[in-house]
């Protein structure tokens, strides 16, 4: 017996894929996300939708695009960068996070080895576990005054870090190994908060690296 090839279903699937691609392009524009045009030319089979709660960075169903994307503007109104939603993106060099973002979830930007341009928004409160783990291209990070919690291994393995600036007057709660494998880079904190950081739980591990912001070279 010979197996019949259903050419009609193949054609139908191709038509559906093409229609989906066009709809995705429209959705990207409506979301205000900046992407490289090469995405659709080079990676037409790697475009997929991920539902909220499973690797998204908005509260609704949004687009997650696999392909070459060196810069990403996260849409205004986004409140959370979801679990592993933008991890393992070696092509990503910079990301813009609007002030509406308050939470970076676990592994949100982990293993993005070329990521350097990151400005954390001033409404942010939480940096999750492993959020920036092994982002070896990250040369510096400023943690805004609003942050109250930094998760375990949040910056572990960020070997390119030259310094860290912490703006909170009171030390945020700190998970284990948050700044491990960061080449003993200095950690600058408000001048009047040096002792508080050096003696706070888990911050004690980095006491020799903690110094006042006024000591940072200009």
N, C-alpha and C. Protein backbone atom coordinates (compact mmCIF):
# COMPACT_ATOMS: atom_id res chain seq x y z
N UNK A 1 0.84 -1.19 0.00
CA UNK A 1 0.00 0.00 0.00
C UNK A 1 0.88 1.25 0.00
N UNK A 2 0.51 2.21 -0.78
CA UNK A 2 1.27 3.46 -0.83
C UNK A 2 0.59 4.50 0.05
N UNK A 3 1.41 5.36 0.63
CA UNK A 3 0.88 6.41 1.50
C UNK A 3 0.61 7.66 0.67
N UNK A 4 -0.57 8.16 0.71
CA UNK A 4 -0.96 9.33 -0.07
C UNK A 4 -0.50 10.61 0.62
N UNK A 5 0.14 11.47 -0.12
CA UNK A 5 0.56 12.75 0.41
C UNK A 5 -0.56 13.76 0.29
N UNK A 6 -0.90 14.37 1.38
CA UNK A 6 -1.99 15.33 1.38
C UNK A 6 -1.44 16.72 1.07
N UNK A 7 -1.31 17.00 -0.24
CA UNK A 7 -0.72 18.27 -0.65
C UNK A 7 -1.60 19.45 -0.25
N UNK A 8 -2.89 19.24 -0.15
CA UNK A 8 -3.79 20.33 0.22
C UNK A 8 -3.52 20.81 1.65
N UNK A 9 -3.26 19.86 2.56
CA UNK A 9 -3.02 20.26 3.94
C UNK A 9 -1.70 21.01 4.07
N UNK A 10 -0.70 20.58 3.28
CA UNK A 10 0.58 21.28 3.29
C UNK A 10 0.41 22.72 2.82
N UNK A 11 -0.30 22.88 1.72
CA UNK A 11 -0.55 24.23 1.20
C UNK A 11 -1.31 25.07 2.20
N UNK A 12 -2.26 24.43 2.86
CA UNK A 12 -3.05 25.14 3.86
C UNK A 12 -2.19 25.61 5.02
N UNK A 13 -1.27 24.73 5.46
CA UNK A 13 -0.38 25.08 6.56
C UNK A 13 0.54 26.24 6.19
N UNK A 14 1.05 26.22 4.94
CA UNK A 14 1.91 27.31 4.49
C UNK A 14 1.15 28.62 4.44
N UNK A 15 -0.08 28.56 3.98
CA UNK A 15 -0.91 29.76 3.92
C UNK A 15 -1.17 30.29 5.32
N UNK A 16 -1.45 29.37 6.24
CA UNK A 16 -1.69 29.77 7.62
C UNK A 16 -0.45 30.41 8.23
N UNK A 17 0.72 29.83 7.96
CA UNK A 17 1.98 30.39 8.47
C UNK A 17 2.20 31.80 7.94
N UNK A 18 1.97 32.00 6.66
CA UNK A 18 2.17 33.31 6.06
C UNK A 18 1.21 34.33 6.67
N UNK A 19 -0.04 33.92 6.84
CA UNK A 19 -1.02 34.82 7.46
C UNK A 19 -0.62 35.15 8.89
N UNK A 20 -0.15 34.14 9.60
CA UNK A 20 0.29 34.36 10.98
C UNK A 20 1.44 35.35 11.04
N UNK A 21 2.39 35.21 10.13
CA UNK A 21 3.54 36.12 10.09
C UNK A 21 3.07 37.56 9.88
N UNK A 22 2.12 37.74 8.96
CA UNK A 22 1.62 39.08 8.71
C UNK A 22 0.92 39.64 9.94
N UNK A 23 0.15 38.79 10.60
CA UNK A 23 -0.53 39.24 11.82
C UNK A 23 0.46 39.59 12.92
N UNK A 24 1.53 38.82 12.99
CA UNK A 24 2.55 39.08 14.00
C UNK A 24 3.23 40.42 13.73
N UNK A 25 3.53 40.69 12.47
CA UNK A 25 4.15 41.98 12.13
C UNK A 25 3.25 43.12 12.58
N UNK A 26 1.96 43.00 12.29
CA UNK A 26 1.02 44.04 12.70
C UNK A 26 0.98 44.18 14.21
N UNK A 27 0.97 43.04 14.91
CA UNK A 27 0.92 43.07 16.37
C UNK A 27 2.16 43.72 16.97
N UNK A 28 3.32 43.45 16.36
CA UNK A 28 4.56 44.05 16.84
C UNK A 28 4.49 45.56 16.76
N UNK A 29 4.01 46.06 15.62
CA UNK A 29 3.91 47.50 15.45
C UNK A 29 2.95 48.11 16.47
N UNK A 30 1.85 47.42 16.71
CA UNK A 30 0.86 47.93 17.66
C UNK A 30 1.40 47.93 19.09
N UNK A 31 2.27 46.96 19.39
CA UNK A 31 2.85 46.88 20.73
C UNK A 31 3.98 47.89 20.92
N UNK A 32 4.45 48.47 19.83
CA UNK A 32 5.54 49.42 19.93
C UNK A 32 6.88 48.79 20.20
N UNK A 33 7.06 47.53 19.80
CA UNK A 33 8.32 46.82 20.03
C UNK A 33 9.24 47.04 18.85
N UNK A 34 10.46 47.45 19.12
CA UNK A 34 11.44 47.66 18.06
C UNK A 34 12.18 46.37 17.80
N UNK A 35 12.11 45.87 16.56
CA UNK A 35 12.79 44.63 16.20
C UNK A 35 13.50 44.81 14.87
N UNK A 36 14.42 43.92 14.61
CA UNK A 36 15.18 43.94 13.37
C UNK A 36 14.36 43.34 12.25
N UNK A 37 14.34 43.99 11.08
CA UNK A 37 13.57 43.47 9.95
C UNK A 37 14.04 42.09 9.51
N UNK A 38 15.30 41.76 9.82
CA UNK A 38 15.84 40.48 9.39
C UNK A 38 15.17 39.30 10.09
N UNK A 39 14.47 39.59 11.18
CA UNK A 39 13.83 38.51 11.91
C UNK A 39 12.95 37.64 11.02
N UNK A 40 12.14 38.30 10.20
CA UNK A 40 11.17 37.57 9.41
C UNK A 40 11.80 36.94 8.18
N UNK A 41 12.89 37.53 7.70
CA UNK A 41 13.55 36.96 6.54
C UNK A 41 14.33 35.71 6.90
N UNK A 42 14.97 35.71 8.06
CA UNK A 42 15.90 34.65 8.42
C UNK A 42 15.30 33.60 9.35
N UNK A 43 14.25 33.95 10.07
CA UNK A 43 13.72 33.04 11.07
C UNK A 43 12.20 32.89 10.97
N UNK A 44 11.68 32.60 9.79
CA UNK A 44 10.21 32.52 9.67
C UNK A 44 9.61 31.35 10.43
N UNK A 45 10.41 30.33 10.72
CA UNK A 45 9.87 29.15 11.39
C UNK A 45 10.10 29.18 12.89
N UNK A 46 10.64 30.28 13.41
CA UNK A 46 10.94 30.34 14.83
C UNK A 46 10.16 31.44 15.54
N UNK A 47 9.02 31.76 15.00
CA UNK A 47 8.16 32.77 15.60
C UNK A 47 7.06 32.04 16.35
N UNK A 48 6.91 32.35 17.62
CA UNK A 48 5.91 31.62 18.39
C UNK A 48 5.28 32.53 19.43
N UNK A 49 4.12 32.14 19.89
CA UNK A 49 3.43 32.87 20.93
C UNK A 49 3.58 32.13 22.25
N UNK A 50 3.81 32.89 23.32
CA UNK A 50 3.92 32.29 24.65
C UNK A 50 2.86 32.93 25.53
N UNK A 51 2.03 32.14 26.20
CA UNK A 51 0.95 32.71 27.00
C UNK A 51 1.45 33.35 28.27
N UNK A 52 0.65 34.24 28.81
CA UNK A 52 0.97 34.93 30.05
C UNK A 52 1.26 33.92 31.16
N UNK A 53 2.33 34.21 31.95
CA UNK A 53 2.69 33.35 33.06
C UNK A 53 3.73 32.32 32.70
N UNK A 54 4.02 32.16 31.41
CA UNK A 54 5.00 31.18 31.00
C UNK A 54 6.04 31.78 30.09
N UNK A 55 6.75 32.78 30.56
CA UNK A 55 7.80 33.37 29.76
C UNK A 55 7.33 34.57 28.97
N UNK A 56 6.49 35.39 29.56
CA UNK A 56 6.04 36.59 28.87
C UNK A 56 6.57 37.82 29.59
N UNK A 57 6.50 38.96 28.93
CA UNK A 57 6.88 40.17 29.65
C UNK A 57 5.77 41.20 29.67
N UNK A 58 4.54 40.77 29.43
CA UNK A 58 3.39 41.64 29.67
C UNK A 58 2.32 40.83 30.37
N UNK A 59 1.28 41.50 30.78
CA UNK A 59 0.22 40.82 31.50
C UNK A 59 -0.73 40.09 30.55
N UNK A 60 -0.65 40.40 29.27
CA UNK A 60 -1.50 39.73 28.28
C UNK A 60 -0.66 38.78 27.46
N UNK A 61 -1.30 38.04 26.55
CA UNK A 61 -0.54 37.21 25.63
C UNK A 61 0.25 38.13 24.70
N UNK A 62 1.54 37.92 24.63
CA UNK A 62 2.39 38.80 23.83
C UNK A 62 3.30 37.98 22.94
N UNK A 63 4.09 38.68 22.15
CA UNK A 63 4.97 38.03 21.20
C UNK A 63 6.34 37.76 21.81
N UNK A 64 6.84 36.59 21.58
CA UNK A 64 8.22 36.26 21.91
C UNK A 64 8.87 35.83 20.61
N UNK A 65 9.87 36.53 20.18
CA UNK A 65 10.44 36.31 18.86
C UNK A 65 11.83 35.74 18.98
N UNK A 66 12.05 34.59 18.37
CA UNK A 66 13.37 34.00 18.35
C UNK A 66 14.05 34.43 17.06
N UNK A 67 15.21 35.02 17.18
CA UNK A 67 15.92 35.49 16.01
C UNK A 67 16.95 36.52 16.41
N UNK A 68 17.48 37.25 15.45
CA UNK A 68 18.48 38.26 15.76
C UNK A 68 17.78 39.56 16.17
N UNK A 69 18.00 39.97 17.38
CA UNK A 69 17.39 41.19 17.89
C UNK A 69 18.40 41.84 18.83
N UNK A 70 19.08 42.87 18.37
CA UNK A 70 20.14 43.47 19.17
C UNK A 70 19.62 44.46 20.19
N UNK A 71 18.44 45.03 19.94
CA UNK A 71 17.88 46.01 20.88
C UNK A 71 16.39 45.75 21.00
N UNK A 72 15.88 45.87 22.22
CA UNK A 72 14.46 45.66 22.46
C UNK A 72 13.89 46.79 23.29
N UNK A 73 12.81 47.39 22.80
CA UNK A 73 12.04 48.35 23.58
C UNK A 73 10.84 47.61 24.16
N UNK A 74 10.81 47.42 25.45
CA UNK A 74 9.65 46.79 26.08
C UNK A 74 8.52 47.82 26.12
N UNK A 75 7.32 47.43 25.71
CA UNK A 75 6.22 48.39 25.61
C UNK A 75 5.88 49.05 26.94
N UNK A 76 5.49 50.32 26.87
CA UNK A 76 5.05 51.05 28.04
C UNK A 76 3.81 50.38 28.61
N UNK A 77 3.71 50.34 29.91
CA UNK A 77 2.59 49.68 30.57
C UNK A 77 2.94 48.29 31.07
N UNK A 78 4.02 47.71 30.55
CA UNK A 78 4.48 46.41 31.04
C UNK A 78 4.90 46.54 32.50
N UNK A 79 4.47 45.61 33.32
CA UNK A 79 4.79 45.69 34.75
C UNK A 79 5.77 44.64 35.21
N UNK A 80 5.96 43.58 34.41
CA UNK A 80 6.80 42.48 34.86
C UNK A 80 7.50 41.84 33.67
N UNK A 81 8.80 41.57 33.84
CA UNK A 81 9.53 40.77 32.87
C UNK A 81 9.49 39.35 33.40
N UNK A 82 8.75 38.49 32.74
CA UNK A 82 8.41 37.19 33.29
C UNK A 82 9.56 36.20 33.37
N UNK A 83 9.27 35.09 33.99
CA UNK A 83 10.26 34.04 34.24
C UNK A 83 10.92 33.57 32.94
N UNK A 84 12.24 33.80 32.83
CA UNK A 84 13.04 33.36 31.68
C UNK A 84 12.53 33.89 30.36
N UNK A 85 11.78 34.99 30.37
CA UNK A 85 11.15 35.46 29.14
C UNK A 85 12.15 35.96 28.11
N UNK A 86 13.28 36.47 28.56
CA UNK A 86 14.28 36.99 27.60
C UNK A 86 15.65 36.39 27.87
N UNK A 87 15.69 35.21 28.42
CA UNK A 87 16.98 34.58 28.73
C UNK A 87 17.60 33.94 27.50
N UNK A 88 18.91 33.72 27.57
CA UNK A 88 19.68 33.02 26.54
C UNK A 88 19.55 33.68 25.17
N UNK A 89 19.60 35.01 25.16
CA UNK A 89 19.55 35.74 23.89
C UNK A 89 20.90 36.40 23.67
N UNK A 90 21.82 35.67 23.08
CA UNK A 90 23.18 36.16 22.90
C UNK A 90 23.26 37.37 21.98
N UNK A 91 22.26 37.54 21.12
CA UNK A 91 22.30 38.66 20.18
C UNK A 91 21.85 39.98 20.81
N UNK A 92 21.20 39.89 21.99
CA UNK A 92 20.65 41.09 22.62
C UNK A 92 21.75 41.91 23.28
N UNK A 93 21.88 43.16 22.85
CA UNK A 93 22.94 44.04 23.38
C UNK A 93 22.39 45.10 24.32
N UNK A 94 21.16 45.52 24.10
CA UNK A 94 20.58 46.54 24.98
C UNK A 94 19.08 46.35 25.06
N UNK A 95 18.53 46.82 26.16
CA UNK A 95 17.09 46.71 26.36
C UNK A 95 16.60 47.95 27.08
N UNK A 96 15.45 48.45 26.65
CA UNK A 96 14.82 49.59 27.32
C UNK A 96 13.63 49.07 28.12
N UNK A 97 13.63 49.36 29.42
CA UNK A 97 12.55 48.97 30.30
C UNK A 97 11.80 50.23 30.73
N UNK A 98 10.50 50.32 30.44
CA UNK A 98 9.74 51.51 30.84
C UNK A 98 9.59 51.58 32.36
N UNK A 99 9.23 52.76 32.84
CA UNK A 99 9.10 52.95 34.28
C UNK A 99 7.97 52.14 34.90
N UNK A 100 7.10 51.60 34.06
CA UNK A 100 6.00 50.78 34.58
C UNK A 100 6.47 49.43 35.09
N UNK A 101 7.67 48.99 34.68
CA UNK A 101 8.18 47.68 35.11
C UNK A 101 8.63 47.74 36.57
N UNK A 102 8.07 46.86 37.39
CA UNK A 102 8.44 46.82 38.80
C UNK A 102 9.18 45.54 39.18
N UNK A 103 9.04 44.49 38.36
CA UNK A 103 9.61 43.19 38.72
C UNK A 103 10.37 42.57 37.55
N UNK A 104 11.59 42.14 37.84
CA UNK A 104 12.33 41.25 36.94
C UNK A 104 12.25 39.86 37.57
N UNK A 105 11.55 38.94 36.91
CA UNK A 105 11.35 37.63 37.49
C UNK A 105 12.61 36.77 37.36
N UNK A 106 12.55 35.58 37.90
CA UNK A 106 13.71 34.66 37.87
C UNK A 106 14.17 34.41 36.44
N UNK A 107 15.48 34.48 36.23
CA UNK A 107 16.11 34.22 34.93
C UNK A 107 15.61 35.17 33.83
N UNK A 108 15.01 36.28 34.18
CA UNK A 108 14.39 37.16 33.17
C UNK A 108 15.34 37.52 32.05
N UNK A 109 16.57 37.87 32.39
CA UNK A 109 17.57 38.27 31.38
C UNK A 109 18.86 37.47 31.55
N UNK A 110 18.76 36.27 32.04
CA UNK A 110 19.94 35.46 32.30
C UNK A 110 20.56 34.93 31.00
N UNK A 111 21.85 34.72 31.05
CA UNK A 111 22.60 34.13 29.93
C UNK A 111 22.50 34.96 28.64
N UNK A 112 22.33 36.26 28.78
CA UNK A 112 22.40 37.17 27.62
C UNK A 112 23.82 37.73 27.61
N UNK A 113 24.73 37.01 26.99
CA UNK A 113 26.16 37.26 27.18
C UNK A 113 26.66 38.57 26.56
N UNK A 114 25.91 39.16 25.65
CA UNK A 114 26.33 40.41 25.04
C UNK A 114 25.52 41.61 25.53
N UNK A 115 24.66 41.38 26.49
CA UNK A 115 23.83 42.46 27.02
C UNK A 115 24.67 43.39 27.88
N UNK A 116 24.63 44.67 27.55
CA UNK A 116 25.36 45.67 28.34
C UNK A 116 24.47 46.86 28.66
N UNK A 117 23.73 47.33 27.67
CA UNK A 117 22.91 48.52 27.87
C UNK A 117 21.62 48.22 28.61
N UNK A 118 21.65 48.36 29.94
CA UNK A 118 20.45 48.14 30.76
C UNK A 118 20.32 49.29 31.76
N UNK A 119 19.17 49.94 31.73
CA UNK A 119 18.86 50.93 32.75
C UNK A 119 17.61 50.44 33.47
N UNK A 120 17.75 50.16 34.75
CA UNK A 120 16.61 49.66 35.51
C UNK A 120 15.67 50.82 35.84
N UNK A 121 14.37 50.65 35.63
CA UNK A 121 13.42 51.75 35.85
C UNK A 121 13.28 52.11 37.31
N UNK A 122 12.94 53.44 37.56
CA UNK A 122 12.87 53.96 38.93
C UNK A 122 11.60 53.49 39.64
N UNK A 123 10.70 52.78 39.04
CA UNK A 123 9.57 52.19 39.81
C UNK A 123 9.82 50.75 40.18
N UNK A 124 10.98 50.20 39.78
CA UNK A 124 11.31 48.79 40.02
C UNK A 124 11.49 48.51 41.51
N UNK A 125 11.00 47.33 41.97
CA UNK A 125 11.12 46.95 43.38
C UNK A 125 11.84 45.61 43.56
N UNK A 126 11.74 44.74 42.56
CA UNK A 126 12.21 43.37 42.75
C UNK A 126 13.08 42.89 41.60
N UNK A 127 14.28 42.40 41.93
CA UNK A 127 15.16 41.73 40.97
C UNK A 127 15.20 40.27 41.40
N UNK A 128 14.67 39.40 40.57
CA UNK A 128 14.46 38.01 40.95
C UNK A 128 15.72 37.16 40.95
N UNK A 129 15.57 35.94 41.40
CA UNK A 129 16.67 34.98 41.41
C UNK A 129 17.23 34.78 40.01
N UNK A 130 18.55 34.82 39.89
CA UNK A 130 19.25 34.54 38.63
C UNK A 130 18.88 35.50 37.50
N UNK A 131 18.33 36.67 37.83
CA UNK A 131 17.79 37.57 36.81
C UNK A 131 18.80 37.94 35.73
N UNK A 132 20.06 38.18 36.13
CA UNK A 132 21.11 38.54 35.18
C UNK A 132 22.26 37.53 35.17
N UNK A 133 22.02 36.35 35.66
CA UNK A 133 23.11 35.38 35.82
C UNK A 133 23.85 35.13 34.50
N UNK A 134 25.17 35.16 34.59
CA UNK A 134 26.07 34.89 33.47
C UNK A 134 25.87 35.85 32.28
N UNK A 135 25.46 37.08 32.57
CA UNK A 135 25.47 38.12 31.54
C UNK A 135 26.88 38.72 31.53
N UNK A 136 27.78 38.03 30.87
CA UNK A 136 29.21 38.36 30.96
C UNK A 136 29.56 39.69 30.29
N UNK A 137 28.69 40.20 29.44
CA UNK A 137 28.96 41.47 28.77
C UNK A 137 28.55 42.68 29.58
N UNK A 138 27.85 42.46 30.68
CA UNK A 138 27.36 43.57 31.50
C UNK A 138 28.54 44.24 32.20
N UNK A 139 28.76 45.52 31.90
CA UNK A 139 29.94 46.20 32.45
C UNK A 139 29.63 47.00 33.72
N UNK A 140 28.38 47.39 33.89
CA UNK A 140 27.98 48.11 35.11
C UNK A 140 26.48 48.00 35.26
N UNK A 141 26.02 48.23 36.48
CA UNK A 141 24.58 48.22 36.74
C UNK A 141 24.29 49.20 37.87
N UNK A 142 23.23 49.99 37.68
CA UNK A 142 22.76 50.89 38.72
C UNK A 142 21.40 50.40 39.20
N UNK A 143 21.33 50.08 40.48
CA UNK A 143 20.10 49.56 41.07
C UNK A 143 19.38 50.72 41.74
N UNK A 144 18.18 51.05 41.25
CA UNK A 144 17.49 52.26 41.73
C UNK A 144 17.06 52.18 43.18
N UNK A 145 16.76 53.35 43.74
CA UNK A 145 16.43 53.47 45.16
C UNK A 145 15.17 52.71 45.54
N UNK A 146 14.32 52.43 44.58
CA UNK A 146 13.05 51.76 44.85
C UNK A 146 13.19 50.26 45.09
N UNK A 147 14.33 49.68 44.73
CA UNK A 147 14.50 48.22 44.85
C UNK A 147 14.59 47.81 46.31
N UNK A 148 13.77 46.82 46.67
CA UNK A 148 13.76 46.32 48.05
C UNK A 148 14.22 44.88 48.16
N UNK A 149 14.37 44.20 47.01
CA UNK A 149 14.74 42.79 47.05
C UNK A 149 15.59 42.41 45.84
N UNK A 150 16.72 41.75 46.10
CA UNK A 150 17.60 41.24 45.05
C UNK A 150 17.74 39.75 45.31
N UNK A 151 17.38 38.94 44.33
CA UNK A 151 17.31 37.50 44.53
C UNK A 151 18.64 36.79 44.50
N UNK A 152 18.60 35.52 44.83
CA UNK A 152 19.79 34.67 44.85
C UNK A 152 20.43 34.61 43.47
N UNK A 153 21.76 34.75 43.46
CA UNK A 153 22.55 34.64 42.23
C UNK A 153 22.08 35.59 41.14
N UNK A 154 21.47 36.70 41.53
CA UNK A 154 20.92 37.63 40.54
C UNK A 154 21.96 38.11 39.54
N UNK A 155 23.19 38.35 40.00
CA UNK A 155 24.27 38.81 39.12
C UNK A 155 25.45 37.84 39.12
N UNK A 156 25.20 36.64 39.56
CA UNK A 156 26.26 35.62 39.61
C UNK A 156 26.83 35.38 38.21
N UNK A 157 28.15 35.37 38.11
CA UNK A 157 28.79 35.06 36.84
C UNK A 157 28.87 36.23 35.89
N UNK A 158 28.50 37.43 36.33
CA UNK A 158 28.64 38.63 35.48
C UNK A 158 30.09 39.11 35.58
N UNK A 159 30.96 38.39 34.90
CA UNK A 159 32.41 38.60 35.05
C UNK A 159 32.90 39.90 34.43
N UNK A 160 32.07 40.54 33.61
CA UNK A 160 32.47 41.80 33.00
C UNK A 160 32.16 43.02 33.83
N UNK A 161 31.49 42.84 34.98
CA UNK A 161 31.12 43.99 35.80
C UNK A 161 32.35 44.74 36.31
N UNK A 162 32.35 46.04 36.05
CA UNK A 162 33.42 46.92 36.56
C UNK A 162 33.01 47.57 37.87
N UNK A 163 31.71 47.78 38.06
CA UNK A 163 31.20 48.31 39.33
C UNK A 163 29.69 48.13 39.38
N UNK A 164 29.18 48.21 40.60
CA UNK A 164 27.74 48.17 40.85
C UNK A 164 27.40 49.40 41.69
N UNK A 165 26.32 50.09 41.33
CA UNK A 165 25.84 51.22 42.12
C UNK A 165 24.50 50.85 42.72
N UNK A 166 24.37 50.99 44.02
CA UNK A 166 23.10 50.76 44.71
C UNK A 166 22.62 52.09 45.28
N UNK A 167 21.44 52.52 44.86
CA UNK A 167 20.89 53.78 45.32
C UNK A 167 20.02 53.68 46.57
N UNK A 168 19.49 52.48 46.92
CA UNK A 168 18.65 52.40 48.13
C UNK A 168 19.42 52.80 49.39
N UNK A 169 18.81 53.61 50.21
CA UNK A 169 19.45 54.02 51.48
C UNK A 169 19.48 52.83 52.44
N UNK A 170 18.40 52.09 52.49
CA UNK A 170 18.37 50.87 53.31
C UNK A 170 18.71 49.67 52.43
N UNK A 171 19.58 48.79 52.89
CA UNK A 171 19.99 47.65 52.06
C UNK A 171 18.80 46.78 51.67
N UNK A 172 18.62 46.49 50.39
CA UNK A 172 17.57 45.55 49.98
C UNK A 172 17.87 44.16 50.56
N UNK A 173 16.85 43.36 50.73
CA UNK A 173 17.10 41.97 51.10
C UNK A 173 17.89 41.32 49.97
N UNK A 174 18.83 40.47 50.33
CA UNK A 174 19.76 39.93 49.35
C UNK A 174 19.80 38.41 49.43
N UNK A 175 19.61 37.76 48.30
CA UNK A 175 19.68 36.32 48.24
C UNK A 175 21.13 35.83 48.22
N UNK A 176 21.32 34.57 48.44
CA UNK A 176 22.67 33.99 48.46
C UNK A 176 23.35 34.13 47.09
N UNK A 177 24.65 34.41 47.14
CA UNK A 177 25.50 34.43 45.93
C UNK A 177 25.06 35.45 44.89
N UNK A 178 24.41 36.52 45.33
CA UNK A 178 23.88 37.50 44.37
C UNK A 178 24.96 38.13 43.52
N UNK A 179 26.14 38.36 44.12
CA UNK A 179 27.23 39.01 43.38
C UNK A 179 28.47 38.13 43.33
N UNK A 180 28.28 36.83 43.31
CA UNK A 180 29.41 35.92 43.18
C UNK A 180 29.96 35.96 41.75
N UNK A 181 31.24 35.63 41.61
CA UNK A 181 31.90 35.57 40.31
C UNK A 181 31.74 36.88 39.54
N UNK A 182 31.99 37.98 40.23
CA UNK A 182 31.93 39.28 39.58
C UNK A 182 33.27 40.00 39.71
N UNK A 183 34.33 39.22 39.82
CA UNK A 183 35.69 39.75 39.83
C UNK A 183 35.93 40.79 40.91
N UNK A 184 35.24 40.64 42.04
CA UNK A 184 35.44 41.54 43.18
C UNK A 184 35.29 43.02 42.81
N UNK A 185 34.40 43.32 41.88
CA UNK A 185 34.19 44.71 41.48
C UNK A 185 33.63 45.50 42.66
N UNK A 186 33.93 46.81 42.72
CA UNK A 186 33.41 47.62 43.84
C UNK A 186 31.90 47.74 43.79
N UNK A 187 31.32 47.84 44.97
CA UNK A 187 29.87 48.03 45.12
C UNK A 187 29.68 49.37 45.82
N UNK A 188 29.18 50.35 45.07
CA UNK A 188 29.02 51.71 45.60
C UNK A 188 27.62 51.89 46.16
N UNK A 189 27.55 52.43 47.38
CA UNK A 189 26.27 52.65 48.06
C UNK A 189 26.25 54.08 48.59
N UNK A 190 25.08 54.59 49.01
CA UNK A 190 25.05 55.93 49.60
C UNK A 190 26.05 56.05 50.74
N UNK A 191 26.73 57.17 50.80
CA UNK A 191 27.82 57.35 51.77
C UNK A 191 27.40 57.06 53.21
N UNK A 192 26.20 57.47 53.55
CA UNK A 192 25.75 57.30 54.93
C UNK A 192 25.21 55.89 55.21
N UNK A 193 25.24 55.03 54.19
CA UNK A 193 24.69 53.69 54.35
C UNK A 193 25.73 52.59 54.29
N UNK A 194 27.01 52.95 54.22
CA UNK A 194 28.07 51.97 54.05
C UNK A 194 28.04 50.92 55.16
N UNK A 195 28.00 51.36 56.40
CA UNK A 195 28.02 50.42 57.52
C UNK A 195 26.77 49.53 57.52
N UNK A 196 25.63 50.13 57.18
CA UNK A 196 24.38 49.35 57.15
C UNK A 196 24.48 48.22 56.13
N UNK A 197 25.06 48.51 54.98
CA UNK A 197 25.24 47.47 53.96
C UNK A 197 26.26 46.43 54.41
N UNK A 198 27.36 46.88 54.96
CA UNK A 198 28.43 45.96 55.33
C UNK A 198 28.02 44.97 56.42
N UNK A 199 27.02 45.33 57.20
CA UNK A 199 26.61 44.48 58.31
C UNK A 199 25.26 43.79 58.08
N UNK A 200 24.62 44.07 56.96
CA UNK A 200 23.31 43.47 56.69
C UNK A 200 23.46 42.01 56.27
N UNK A 201 22.42 41.23 56.52
CA UNK A 201 22.42 39.81 56.18
C UNK A 201 22.75 39.60 54.70
N UNK A 202 23.68 38.72 54.46
CA UNK A 202 24.19 38.36 53.12
C UNK A 202 25.04 39.45 52.46
N UNK A 203 24.79 40.72 52.80
CA UNK A 203 25.68 41.77 52.31
C UNK A 203 27.06 41.67 52.97
N UNK A 204 27.11 41.07 54.14
CA UNK A 204 28.38 40.91 54.85
C UNK A 204 29.42 40.20 53.99
N UNK A 205 28.95 39.31 53.14
CA UNK A 205 29.85 38.56 52.25
C UNK A 205 30.68 39.49 51.39
N UNK A 206 30.13 40.65 51.08
CA UNK A 206 30.78 41.59 50.15
C UNK A 206 31.27 42.85 50.86
N UNK A 207 31.43 42.77 52.19
CA UNK A 207 31.74 43.96 52.97
C UNK A 207 33.01 44.67 52.50
N UNK A 208 34.02 43.89 52.10
CA UNK A 208 35.27 44.50 51.66
C UNK A 208 35.12 45.25 50.34
N UNK A 209 34.09 44.95 49.60
CA UNK A 209 33.86 45.57 48.29
C UNK A 209 32.92 46.78 48.38
N UNK A 210 32.24 46.92 49.51
CA UNK A 210 31.24 47.98 49.66
C UNK A 210 31.90 49.26 50.12
N UNK A 211 31.61 50.34 49.38
CA UNK A 211 32.21 51.65 49.71
C UNK A 211 31.22 52.73 49.32
N UNK A 212 31.46 53.95 49.83
CA UNK A 212 30.57 55.07 49.54
C UNK A 212 30.65 55.51 48.09
N UNK A 213 29.52 56.00 47.57
CA UNK A 213 29.45 56.44 46.18
C UNK A 213 30.41 57.59 45.89
N UNK A 214 30.74 58.36 46.92
CA UNK A 214 31.67 59.48 46.71
C UNK A 214 33.07 59.00 46.34
N UNK A 215 33.35 57.72 46.57
CA UNK A 215 34.66 57.17 46.23
C UNK A 215 34.75 56.68 44.79
N UNK A 216 33.63 56.74 44.09
CA UNK A 216 33.64 56.28 42.69
C UNK A 216 34.41 57.28 41.83
N UNK A 217 35.37 56.80 41.05
CA UNK A 217 36.11 57.71 40.15
C UNK A 217 35.17 58.35 39.14
N UNK A 218 35.44 59.58 38.82
CA UNK A 218 34.58 60.30 37.86
C UNK A 218 35.06 60.01 36.45
